[in-house]
Amino acid sequence: MNAVAIVLLRALAHLPLGLLYSVSTVLHVVLRDVIGYRKRVIIQNLQRAFPDRSTAEVKAIARSYYQYLADLIVESIYLHAMTAEELRAHVVFENPELLHALEADGKRGMIMMGHSGNWEWAGLATAERFSFTLLPIYRKIKNDAMDDFMRKLRSRFSSHPVHDKEAFDAAVKHPLPHTFAVLADQTPSGKKGWWLKFLNQETPFYRGGEVLAERFGYEVVFAHVLRAGRGQYRIHLERYHEPANNDRGAMTKAFASFLEEHIRQQPENWLWSHKRWKHQANEQSVWIDRG
């Protein structure tokens, strides 16, 4: 992506959101019917995750997913120019007291969430509303221009994006109170992941969030972004309580269970075009729950 494309994205961000949704209505047809964007991946993921669903039900979820994906694209573009007032109108927090509790001096917090709803809106809505410094952990995008565009976007409202390889340094150096935001359903390599059964699949999860939380004593809150309507999101929050027998992977297992429960409630509201199950477990895989 070159500089001209970035200028175009910035220009599109200043169009009214209603007009962008008109673009999205056309875009989802292009994605679904014209180019068939990752159609095989989406259908296979849904069939594997929901083996009890009929072919017609899987196709219906896929159709809804394409409209969600198109909305997500235009909403993320619009976020470049979105105001704080608009964020508050479009993103509502359930149980906000769980995040207000992280605003106290000296607090270390961590929000673990998945690729649900509009996680970009949710992140900046969190940075805008709460007084702790938000540190969203991100993975570098291969295209430098797009990586710079997204990093600047995620830096709005005093948010401070942190490269995933620098998270532990940030935990030590960044002033308190601060709260990490972790997209905890990213796909690690088979060797680096903790394996468990998730959506009927053998699935690796990153260890980093749990290791970071335990090493520095972070208070952990799970979050899931639900769609309440087009452009309307509510963030469901739950505090993670460490079990008495805090075995290795306990937090990761709890998050995976939380995420799966909410995906089943709104199956079209998760990133099905992502190649989540591209790795296979082997004899060296580290299992924390075989289901």
C-alpha atoms as a PDB file:
ATOM      1  CA  MET A   1       0.000   0.000   0.000  1.00  0.00           C
ATOM      2  CA  ASN A   2       1.562   3.297  -1.111  1.00  0.00           C
ATOM      3  CA  ALA A   3       1.184   6.886   0.036  1.00  0.00           C
ATOM      4  CA  VAL A   4      -1.633   7.578  -2.444  1.00  0.00           C
ATOM      5  CA  ALA A   5      -3.742   4.785  -0.928  1.00  0.00           C
ATOM      6  CA  ILE A   6      -3.142   6.149   2.584  1.00  0.00           C
ATOM      7  CA  VAL A   7      -4.271   9.615   1.458  1.00  0.00           C
ATOM      8  CA  LEU A   8      -7.402   8.026  -0.012  1.00  0.00           C
ATOM      9  CA  LEU A   9      -8.165   6.231   3.257  1.00  0.00           C
ATOM     10  CA  ARG A  10      -7.774   9.471   5.204  1.00  0.00           C
ATOM     11  CA  ALA A  11     -10.115  11.232   2.788  1.00  0.00           C
ATOM     12  CA  LEU A  12     -12.733   8.479   3.087  1.00  0.00           C
ATOM     13  CA  ALA A  13     -12.590   8.835   6.873  1.00  0.00           C
ATOM     14  CA  HIS A  14     -14.195  12.284   6.592  1.00  0.00           C
ATOM     15  CA  LEU A  15     -17.284  11.006   4.771  1.00  0.00           C
ATOM     16  CA  PRO A  16     -20.465  10.662   6.869  1.00  0.00           C
ATOM     17  CA  LEU A  17     -20.748   7.254   8.512  1.00  0.00           C
ATOM     18  CA  GLY A  18     -24.149   6.693   6.891  1.00  0.00           C
ATOM     19  CA  LEU A  19     -22.592   7.140   3.441  1.00  0.00           C
ATOM     20  CA  LEU A  20     -19.799   4.742   4.332  1.00  0.00           C
ATOM     21  CA  TYR A  21     -22.395   2.150   5.299  1.00  0.00           C
ATOM     22  CA  SER A  22     -23.875   2.528   1.809  1.00  0.00           C
ATOM     23  CA  VAL A  23     -20.409   1.734   0.479  1.00  0.00           C
ATOM     24  CA  SER A  24     -20.280  -1.237   2.840  1.00  0.00           C
ATOM     25  CA  THR A  25     -23.563  -2.607   1.500  1.00  0.00           C
ATOM     26  CA  VAL A  26     -22.007  -2.752  -1.973  1.00  0.00           C
ATOM     27  CA  LEU A  27     -18.631  -3.924  -0.666  1.00  0.00           C
ATOM     28  CA  HIS A  28     -20.054  -6.964   1.093  1.00  0.00           C
ATOM     29  CA  VAL A  29     -21.620  -8.167  -2.185  1.00  0.00           C
ATOM     30  CA  VAL A  30     -18.271  -7.682  -3.940  1.00  0.00           C
ATOM     31  CA  LEU A  31     -16.440  -9.588  -1.198  1.00  0.00           C
ATOM     32  CA  ARG A  32     -18.983 -12.403  -1.106  1.00  0.00           C
ATOM     33  CA  ASP A  33     -20.214 -12.839  -4.684  1.00  0.00           C
ATOM     34  CA  VAL A  34     -17.680 -11.179  -6.989  1.00  0.00           C
ATOM     35  CA  ILE A  35     -14.279 -12.080  -5.582  1.00  0.00           C
ATOM     36  CA  GLY A  36     -15.379 -14.702  -3.034  1.00  0.00           C
ATOM     37  CA  TYR A  37     -12.923 -13.355  -0.460  1.00  0.00           C
ATOM     38  CA  ARG A  38     -11.551 -16.334   1.482  1.00  0.00           C
ATOM     39  CA  LYS A  39     -14.826 -18.130   0.948  1.00  0.00           C
ATOM     40  CA  ARG A  40     -13.314 -21.581   1.379  1.00  0.00           C
ATOM     41  CA  VAL A  41     -11.556 -20.583   4.614  1.00  0.00           C
ATOM     42  CA  ILE A  42     -14.734 -19.055   6.050  1.00  0.00           C
ATOM     43  CA  ILE A  43     -16.967 -22.026   5.203  1.00  0.00           C
ATOM     44  CA  GLN A  44     -14.422 -24.597   6.407  1.00  0.00           C
ATOM     45  CA  ASN A  45     -13.870 -22.733   9.674  1.00  0.00           C
ATOM     46  CA  LEU A  46     -17.606 -22.528  10.319  1.00  0.00           C
ATOM     47  CA  GLN A  47     -18.186 -26.201   9.444  1.00  0.00           C
ATOM     48  CA  ARG A  48     -15.397 -27.313  11.756  1.00  0.00           C
ATOM     49  CA  ALA A  49     -16.492 -25.049  14.596  1.00  0.00           C
ATOM     50  CA  PHE A  50     -20.193 -25.937  14.323  1.00  0.00           C
ATOM     51  CA  PRO A  51     -20.437 -29.533  13.064  1.00  0.00           C
ATOM     52  CA  ASP A  52     -24.033 -29.674  14.307  1.00  0.00           C
ATOM     53  CA  ARG A  53     -25.143 -26.857  11.979  1.00  0.00           C
ATOM     54  CA  SER A  54     -26.723 -27.678   8.621  1.00  0.00           C
ATOM     55  CA  THR A  55     -25.220 -26.529   5.325  1.00  0.00           C
ATOM     56  CA  ALA A  56     -27.969 -23.914   5.044  1.00  0.00           C
ATOM     57  CA  GLU A  57     -27.226 -22.608   8.559  1.00  0.00           C
ATOM     58  CA  VAL A  58     -23.498 -22.372   7.845  1.00  0.00           C
ATOM     59  CA  LYS A  59     -24.142 -20.459   4.621  1.00  0.00           C
ATOM     60  CA  ALA A  60     -26.491 -18.084   6.459  1.00  0.00           C
ATOM     61  CA  ILE A  61     -23.795 -17.327   9.054  1.00  0.00           C
ATOM     62  CA  ALA A  62     -21.286 -16.781   6.238  1.00  0.00           C
ATOM     63  CA  ARG A  63     -23.624 -14.295   4.507  1.00  0.00           C
ATOM     64  CA  SER A  64     -24.036 -12.332   7.741  1.00  0.00           C
ATOM     65  CA  TYR A  65     -20.297 -12.487   8.294  1.00  0.00           C
ATOM     66  CA  TYR A  66     -19.528 -10.830   4.936  1.00  0.00           C
ATOM     67  CA  GLN A  67     -21.756  -7.872   5.845  1.00  0.00           C
ATOM     68  CA  TYR A  68     -20.090  -7.652   9.273  1.00  0.00           C
ATOM     69  CA  LEU A  69     -16.648  -7.753   7.615  1.00  0.00           C
ATOM     70  CA  ALA A  70     -17.554  -4.978   5.158  1.00  0.00           C
ATOM     71  CA  ASP A  71     -18.923  -2.849   8.002  1.00  0.00           C
ATOM     72  CA  LEU A  72     -15.747  -3.499   9.984  1.00  0.00           C
ATOM     73  CA  ILE A  73     -13.611  -2.218   7.088  1.00  0.00           C
ATOM     74  CA  VAL A  74     -15.496   1.062   6.626  1.00  0.00           C
ATOM     75  CA  GLU A  75     -15.849   1.596  10.387  1.00  0.00           C
ATOM     76  CA  SER A  76     -12.104   1.184  10.851  1.00  0.00           C
ATOM     77  CA  ILE A  77     -11.477   3.767   8.125  1.00  0.00           C
ATOM     78  CA  TYR A  78     -13.978   6.152   9.752  1.00  0.00           C
ATOM     79  CA  LEU A  79     -12.187   5.796  13.091  1.00  0.00           C
ATOM     80  CA  HIS A  80      -9.427   8.049  11.779  1.00  0.00           C
ATOM     81  CA  ALA A  81     -11.781  11.055  12.080  1.00  0.00           C
ATOM     82  CA  MET A  82     -14.263   9.764  14.670  1.00  0.00           C
ATOM     83  CA  THR A  83     -14.857  12.058  17.647  1.00  0.00           C
ATOM     84  CA  ALA A  84     -14.941  11.117  21.316  1.00  0.00           C
ATOM     85  CA  GLU A  85     -18.658  11.934  21.408  1.00  0.00           C
ATOM     86  CA  GLU A  86     -19.317   9.545  18.526  1.00  0.00           C
ATOM     87  CA  LEU A  87     -17.345   6.769  20.189  1.00  0.00           C
ATOM     88  CA  ARG A  88     -19.411   7.170  23.350  1.00  0.00           C
ATOM     89  CA  ALA A  89     -22.609   7.042  21.317  1.00  0.00           C
ATOM     90  CA  HIS A  90     -21.596   3.911  19.402  1.00  0.00           C
ATOM     91  CA  VAL A  91     -19.769   1.893  22.082  1.00  0.00           C
ATOM     92  CA  VAL A  92     -21.336   1.056  25.449  1.00  0.00           C
ATOM     93  CA  PHE A  93     -19.598  -0.690  28.343  1.00  0.00           C
ATOM     94  CA  GLU A  94     -21.308  -3.297  30.473  1.00  0.00           C
ATOM     95  CA  ASN A  95     -19.925  -3.395  34.029  1.00  0.00           C
ATOM     96  CA  PRO A  96     -17.634  -0.372  33.475  1.00  0.00           C
ATOM     97  CA  GLU A  97     -16.795  -0.450  37.192  1.00  0.00           C
ATOM     98  CA  LEU A  98     -14.421  -3.341  36.403  1.00  0.00           C
ATOM     99  CA  LEU A  99     -12.288  -0.932  34.364  1.00  0.00           C
ATOM    100  CA  HIS A 100     -12.804   2.023  36.701  1.00  0.00           C
ATOM    101  CA  ALA A 101     -11.167  -0.175  39.351  1.00  0.00           C
ATOM    102  CA  LEU A 102      -7.977  -0.120  37.246  1.00  0.00           C
ATOM    103  CA  GLU A 103      -7.745   3.683  37.328  1.00  0.00           C
ATOM    104  CA  ALA A 104      -6.282   3.859  40.846  1.00  0.00           C
ATOM    105  CA  ASP A 105      -2.671   4.953  41.311  1.00  0.00           C
ATOM    106  CA  GLY A 106      -0.217   2.115  40.939  1.00  0.00           C
ATOM    107  CA  LYS A 107      -2.644  -0.307  39.288  1.00  0.00           C
ATOM    108  CA  ARG A 108      -1.561  -2.695  36.564  1.00  0.00           C
ATOM    109  CA  GLY A 109      -4.423  -3.971  34.419  1.00  0.00           C
ATOM    110  CA  MET A 110      -4.849  -6.245  31.432  1.00  0.00           C
ATOM    111  CA  ILE A 111      -7.853  -6.582  29.121  1.00  0.00           C
ATOM    112  CA  MET A 112      -7.954  -9.869  27.197  1.00  0.00           C
ATOM    113  CA  MET A 113     -10.282  -9.934  24.210  1.00  0.00           C
ATOM    114  CA  GLY A 114     -10.732 -11.557  20.814  1.00  0.00           C
ATOM    115  CA  HIS A 115     -11.337 -10.378  17.266  1.00  0.00           C
ATOM    116  CA  SER A 116     -15.026  -9.752  17.852  1.00  0.00           C
ATOM    117  CA  GLY A 117     -17.266  -6.810  16.983  1.00  0.00           C
ATOM    118  CA  ASN A 118     -15.158  -3.786  16.152  1.00  0.00           C
ATOM    119  CA  TRP A 119     -12.141  -4.253  18.389  1.00  0.00           C
ATOM    120  CA  GLU A 120     -10.539  -1.073  16.989  1.00  0.00           C
ATOM    121  CA  TRP A 121     -13.511   1.059  18.114  1.00  0.00           C
ATOM    122  CA  ALA A 122     -13.533  -0.790  21.432  1.00  0.00           C
ATOM    123  CA  GLY A 123      -9.858  -0.090  22.046  1.00  0.00           C
ATOM    124  CA  LEU A 124     -10.068   3.637  21.430  1.00  0.00           C
ATOM    125  CA  ALA A 125     -13.378   3.887  23.306  1.00  0.00           C
ATOM    126  CA  THR A 126     -11.536   2.405  26.292  1.00  0.00           C
ATOM    127  CA  ALA A 127      -8.629   4.824  25.932  1.00  0.00           C
ATOM    128  CA  GLU A 128     -11.025   7.781  25.673  1.00  0.00           C
ATOM    129  CA  ARG A 129     -13.266   6.860  28.589  1.00  0.00           C
ATOM    130  CA  PHE A 130     -10.874   5.666  31.308  1.00  0.00           C
ATOM    131  CA  SER A 131      -8.023   7.561  32.940  1.00  0.00           C
ATOM    132  CA  PHE A 132      -5.392   4.801  32.911  1.00  0.00           C
ATOM    133  CA  THR A 133      -3.015   4.754  29.949  1.00  0.00           C
ATOM    134  CA  LEU A 134      -4.078   2.081  27.482  1.00  0.00           C
ATOM    135  CA  LEU A 135      -1.266   0.001  25.990  1.00  0.00           C
ATOM    136  CA  PRO A 136      -2.715  -2.049  23.103  1.00  0.00           C
ATOM    137  CA  ILE A 137      -0.303  -4.790  22.083  1.00  0.00           C
ATOM    138  CA  TYR A 138      -0.053  -5.152  18.313  1.00  0.00           C
ATOM    139  CA  ARG A 139       1.764  -7.242  15.744  1.00  0.00           C
ATOM    140  CA  LYS A 140       3.617  -5.399  12.997  1.00  0.00           C
ATOM    141  CA  ILE A 141       1.886  -5.362   9.609  1.00  0.00           C
ATOM    142  CA  LYS A 142       4.235  -6.405   6.795  1.00  0.00           C
ATOM    143  CA  ASN A 143       3.355  -3.375   4.675  1.00  0.00           C
ATOM    144  CA  ASP A 144       5.216  -0.468   6.308  1.00  0.00           C
ATOM    145  CA  ALA A 145       2.817   2.231   5.109  1.00  0.00           C
ATOM    146  CA  MET A 146      -0.230   0.353   6.411  1.00  0.00           C
ATOM    147  CA  ASP A 147       1.568  -0.455   9.661  1.00  0.00           C
ATOM    148  CA  ASP A 148       2.278   3.241  10.182  1.00  0.00           C
ATOM    149  CA  PHE A 149      -1.328   4.163   9.318  1.00  0.00           C
ATOM    150  CA  MET A 150      -2.752   1.674  11.829  1.00  0.00           C
ATOM    151  CA  ARG A 151      -0.246   2.570  14.555  1.00  0.00           C
ATOM    152  CA  LYS A 152      -1.176   6.253  14.299  1.00  0.00           C
ATOM    153  CA  LEU A 153      -4.865   5.335  14.296  1.00  0.00           C
ATOM    154  CA  ARG A 154      -4.430   3.255  17.451  1.00  0.00           C
ATOM    155  CA  SER A 155      -2.551   6.129  19.102  1.00  0.00           C
ATOM    156  CA  ARG A 156      -5.583   8.418  19.283  1.00  0.00           C
ATOM    157  CA  PHE A 157      -7.067   9.501  22.634  1.00  0.00           C
ATOM    158  CA  SER A 158      -3.690   9.094  24.392  1.00  0.00           C
ATOM    159  CA  SER A 159      -3.496   5.381  23.628  1.00  0.00           C
ATOM    160  CA  HIS A 160       0.072   4.040  23.392  1.00  0.00           C
ATOM    161  CA  PRO A 161       0.383   0.998  21.087  1.00  0.00           C
ATOM    162  CA  VAL A 162       3.134  -1.421  22.093  1.00  0.00           C
ATOM    163  CA  HIS A 163       4.820  -3.827  19.680  1.00  0.00           C
ATOM    164  CA  ASP A 164       4.342  -7.399  20.892  1.00  0.00           C
ATOM    165  CA  LYS A 165       8.089  -7.954  21.184  1.00  0.00           C
ATOM    166  CA  GLU A 166       8.387  -4.929  23.500  1.00  0.00           C
ATOM    167  CA  ALA A 167       5.516  -5.738  25.893  1.00  0.00           C
ATOM    168  CA  PHE A 168       7.678  -6.902  28.789  1.00  0.00           C
ATOM    169  CA  ASP A 169       9.868  -3.793  28.550  1.00  0.00           C
ATOM    170  CA  ALA A 170       6.740  -1.609  28.531  1.00  0.00           C
ATOM    171  CA  ALA A 171       5.449  -3.382  31.645  1.00  0.00           C
ATOM    172  CA  VAL A 172       8.577  -2.281  33.495  1.00  0.00           C
ATOM    173  CA  LYS A 173       9.111   1.180  32.031  1.00  0.00           C
ATOM    174  CA  HIS A 174       5.630   2.612  31.455  1.00  0.00           C
ATOM    175  CA  PRO A 175       4.221   4.786  34.275  1.00  0.00           C
ATOM    176  CA  LEU A 176       1.306   3.494  36.327  1.00  0.00           C
ATOM    177  CA  PRO A 177      -1.615   3.184  36.200  1.00  0.00           C
ATOM    178  CA  HIS A 178      -1.599   1.481  32.845  1.00  0.00           C
ATOM    179  CA  THR A 179      -3.642  -1.290  31.250  1.00  0.00           C
ATOM    180  CA  PHE A 180      -2.584  -3.595  28.441  1.00  0.00           C
ATOM    181  CA  ALA A 181      -5.145  -4.548  25.792  1.00  0.00           C
ATOM    182  CA  VAL A 182      -4.375  -7.979  24.356  1.00  0.00           C
ATOM    183  CA  LEU A 183      -6.041  -9.603  21.342  1.00  0.00           C
ATOM    184  CA  ALA A 184      -5.597 -13.004  22.903  1.00  0.00           C
ATOM    185  CA  ASP A 185      -6.954 -15.097  20.024  1.00  0.00           C
ATOM    186  CA  GLN A 186      -4.048 -14.406  17.684  1.00  0.00           C
ATOM    187  CA  THR A 187      -2.520 -17.542  16.160  1.00  0.00           C
ATOM    188  CA  PRO A 188       0.959 -18.463  17.426  1.00  0.00           C
ATOM    189  CA  SER A 189       3.191 -21.067  15.871  1.00  0.00           C
ATOM    190  CA  GLY A 190       2.523 -24.607  16.978  1.00  0.00           C
ATOM    191  CA  LYS A 191       5.761 -24.685  18.965  1.00  0.00           C
ATOM    192  CA  LYS A 192       5.138 -21.430  20.878  1.00  0.00           C
ATOM    193  CA  GLY A 193       1.488 -22.000  21.731  1.00  0.00           C
ATOM    194  CA  TRP A 194      -0.401 -23.648  24.537  1.00  0.00           C
ATOM    195  CA  TRP A 195      -2.835 -26.136  23.045  1.00  0.00           C
ATOM    196  CA  LEU A 196      -6.440 -26.739  24.038  1.00  0.00           C
ATOM    197  CA  LYS A 197      -9.801 -27.677  22.545  1.00  0.00           C
ATOM    198  CA  PHE A 198     -11.569 -24.554  21.279  1.00  0.00           C
ATOM    199  CA  LEU A 199     -14.657 -24.546  19.056  1.00  0.00           C
ATOM    200  CA  ASN A 200     -14.210 -28.301  18.535  1.00  0.00           C
ATOM    201  CA  GLN A 201     -10.683 -27.774  17.205  1.00  0.00           C
ATOM    202  CA  GLU A 202      -7.200 -28.434  18.544  1.00  0.00           C
ATOM    203  CA  THR A 203      -6.080 -24.829  18.893  1.00  0.00           C
ATOM    204  CA  PRO A 204      -2.868 -23.089  20.028  1.00  0.00           C
ATOM    205  CA  PHE A 205      -3.087 -19.894  22.091  1.00  0.00           C
ATOM    206  CA  TYR A 206      -0.292 -17.449  22.876  1.00  0.00           C
ATOM    207  CA  ARG A 207       1.277 -17.833  26.312  1.00  0.00           C
ATOM    208  CA  GLY A 208       2.433 -14.217  26.528  1.00  0.00           C
ATOM    209  CA  GLY A 209      -0.654 -12.635  28.091  1.00  0.00           C
ATOM    210  CA  GLU A 210      -0.784 -15.096  30.971  1.00  0.00           C
ATOM    211  CA  VAL A 211       2.973 -15.011  31.539  1.00  0.00           C
ATOM    212  CA  LEU A 212       2.970 -11.186  31.539  1.00  0.00           C
ATOM    213  CA  ALA A 213       0.035 -11.020  33.969  1.00  0.00           C
ATOM    214  CA  GLU A 214       1.565 -13.490  36.395  1.00  0.00           C
ATOM    215  CA  ARG A 215       5.056 -12.011  36.310  1.00  0.00           C
ATOM    216  CA  PHE A 216       3.948  -8.449  37.052  1.00  0.00           C
ATOM    217  CA  GLY A 217       0.742  -9.040  38.993  1.00  0.00           C
ATOM    218  CA  TYR A 218      -1.761  -7.611  36.510  1.00  0.00           C
ATOM    219  CA  GLU A 219      -5.463  -7.579  37.326  1.00  0.00           C
ATOM    220  CA  VAL A 220      -7.137  -9.250  34.351  1.00  0.00           C
ATOM    221  CA  VAL A 221     -10.497  -8.467  32.789  1.00  0.00           C
ATOM    222  CA  PHE A 222     -11.971 -10.464  29.893  1.00  0.00           C
ATOM    223  CA  ALA A 223     -13.850  -8.454  27.251  1.00  0.00           C
ATOM    224  CA  HIS A 224     -16.073  -9.397  24.340  1.00  0.00           C
ATOM    225  CA  VAL A 225     -17.471  -6.885  21.844  1.00  0.00           C
ATOM    226  CA  LEU A 226     -21.063  -7.712  20.881  1.00  0.00           C
ATOM    227  CA  ARG A 227     -22.998  -6.123  18.018  1.00  0.00           C
ATOM    228  CA  ALA A 228     -26.203  -4.479  19.210  1.00  0.00           C
ATOM    229  CA  GLY A 229     -27.017  -3.191  15.705  1.00  0.00           C
ATOM    230  CA  ARG A 230     -25.201  -1.679  12.759  1.00  0.00           C
ATOM    231  CA  GLY A 231     -22.494   0.538  14.200  1.00  0.00           C
ATOM    232  CA  GLN A 232     -23.650  -0.157  17.750  1.00  0.00           C
ATOM    233  CA  TYR A 233     -21.476  -2.207  20.080  1.00  0.00           C
ATOM    234  CA  ARG A 234     -21.580  -3.203  23.707  1.00  0.00           C
ATOM    235  CA  ILE A 235     -18.515  -4.461  25.511  1.00  0.00           C
ATOM    236  CA  HIS A 236     -19.231  -7.258  27.954  1.00  0.00           C
ATOM    237  CA  LEU A 237     -16.653  -7.358  30.768  1.00  0.00           C
ATOM    238  CA  GLU A 238     -15.860 -10.081  33.297  1.00  0.00           C
ATOM    239  CA  ARG A 239     -13.143 -10.058  35.957  1.00  0.00           C
ATOM    240  CA  TYR A 240     -10.819 -13.058  35.886  1.00  0.00           C
ATOM    241  CA  HIS A 241     -10.481 -14.674  39.295  1.00  0.00           C
ATOM    242  CA  GLU A 242      -7.420 -16.826  39.757  1.00  0.00           C
ATOM    243  CA  PRO A 243      -8.396 -20.333  40.931  1.00  0.00           C
ATOM    244  CA  ALA A 244      -6.956 -21.793  44.134  1.00  0.00           C
ATOM    245  CA  ASN A 245      -5.028 -24.413  42.183  1.00  0.00           C
ATOM    246  CA  ASN A 246      -3.636 -21.977  39.613  1.00  0.00           C
ATOM    247  CA  ASP A 247      -2.197 -24.544  37.219  1.00  0.00           C
ATOM    248  CA  ARG A 248      -0.213 -23.537  34.171  1.00  0.00           C
ATOM    249  CA  GLY A 249      -2.574 -22.196  31.532  1.00  0.00           C
ATOM    250  CA  ALA A 250      -5.510 -21.597  33.904  1.00  0.00           C
ATOM    251  CA  MET A 251      -6.013 -18.024  32.680  1.00  0.00           C
ATOM    252  CA  THR A 252      -5.714 -19.007  29.035  1.00  0.00           C
ATOM    253  CA  LYS A 253      -8.231 -21.830  29.470  1.00  0.00           C
ATOM    254  CA  ALA A 254     -10.646 -19.474  31.217  1.00  0.00           C
ATOM    255  CA  PHE A 255     -10.319 -16.906  28.433  1.00  0.00           C
ATOM    256  CA  ALA A 256     -10.839 -19.513  25.703  1.00  0.00           C
ATOM    257  CA  SER A 257     -14.005 -20.719  27.440  1.00  0.00           C
ATOM    258  CA  PHE A 258     -15.249 -17.124  27.806  1.00  0.00           C
ATOM    259  CA  LEU A 259     -14.538 -16.372  24.146  1.00  0.00           C
ATOM    260  CA  GLU A 260     -16.173 -19.550  22.846  1.00  0.00           C
ATOM    261  CA  GLU A 261     -19.331 -18.947  24.874  1.00  0.00           C
ATOM    262  CA  HIS A 262     -19.781 -15.495  23.348  1.00  0.00           C
ATOM    263  CA  ILE A 263     -18.870 -16.575  19.817  1.00  0.00           C
ATOM    264  CA  ARG A 264     -21.667 -19.144  20.003  1.00  0.00           C
ATOM    265  CA  GLN A 265     -24.094 -16.369  20.978  1.00  0.00           C
ATOM    266  CA  GLN A 266     -23.214 -14.285  17.880  1.00  0.00           C
ATOM    267  CA  PRO A 267     -21.331 -16.575  15.488  1.00  0.00           C
ATOM    268  CA  GLU A 268     -21.161 -14.048  12.616  1.00  0.00           C
ATOM    269  CA  ASN A 269     -19.387 -11.580  14.921  1.00  0.00           C
ATOM    270  CA  TRP A 270     -15.886 -13.132  14.915  1.00  0.00           C
ATOM    271  CA  LEU A 271     -13.046 -13.088  12.392  1.00  0.00           C
ATOM    272  CA  TRP A 272     -13.812 -16.294  10.451  1.00  0.00           C
ATOM    273  CA  SER A 273     -11.690 -15.291   7.447  1.00  0.00           C
ATOM    274  CA  HIS A 274      -8.601 -15.633   9.644  1.00  0.00           C
ATOM    275  CA  LYS A 275      -6.696 -18.912   9.179  1.00  0.00           C
ATOM    276  CA  ARG A 276      -7.055 -19.775  12.851  1.00  0.00           C
ATOM    277  CA  TRP A 277      -6.402 -23.517  12.512  1.00  0.00           C
ATOM    278  CA  LYS A 278      -3.461 -23.584  10.121  1.00  0.00           C
ATOM    279  CA  HIS A 279      -1.181 -25.429  12.587  1.00  0.00           C
ATOM    280  CA  GLN A 280      -1.452 -29.051  13.652  1.00  0.00           C
ATOM    281  CA  ALA A 281      -0.537 -30.422  17.070  1.00  0.00           C
ATOM    282  CA  ASN A 282       2.305 -32.937  17.276  1.00  0.00           C
ATOM    283  CA  GLU A 283       4.222 -34.859  19.938  1.00  0.00           C
ATOM    284  CA  GLN A 284       6.063 -31.696  21.016  1.00  0.00           C
ATOM    285  CA  SER A 285       2.872 -29.657  21.525  1.00  0.00           C
ATOM    286  CA  VAL A 286       2.237 -28.363  25.042  1.00  0.00           C
ATOM    287  CA  TRP A 287      -1.343 -29.150  26.041  1.00  0.00           C
ATOM    288  CA  ILE A 288      -3.190 -27.352  28.826  1.00  0.00           C
ATOM    289  CA  ASP A 289      -6.629 -28.863  28.110  1.00  0.00           C
ATOM    290  CA  ARG A 290      -7.454 -31.686  25.697  1.00  0.00           C
ATOM    291  CA  GLY A 291     -11.195 -31.216  26.217  1.00  0.00           C
END
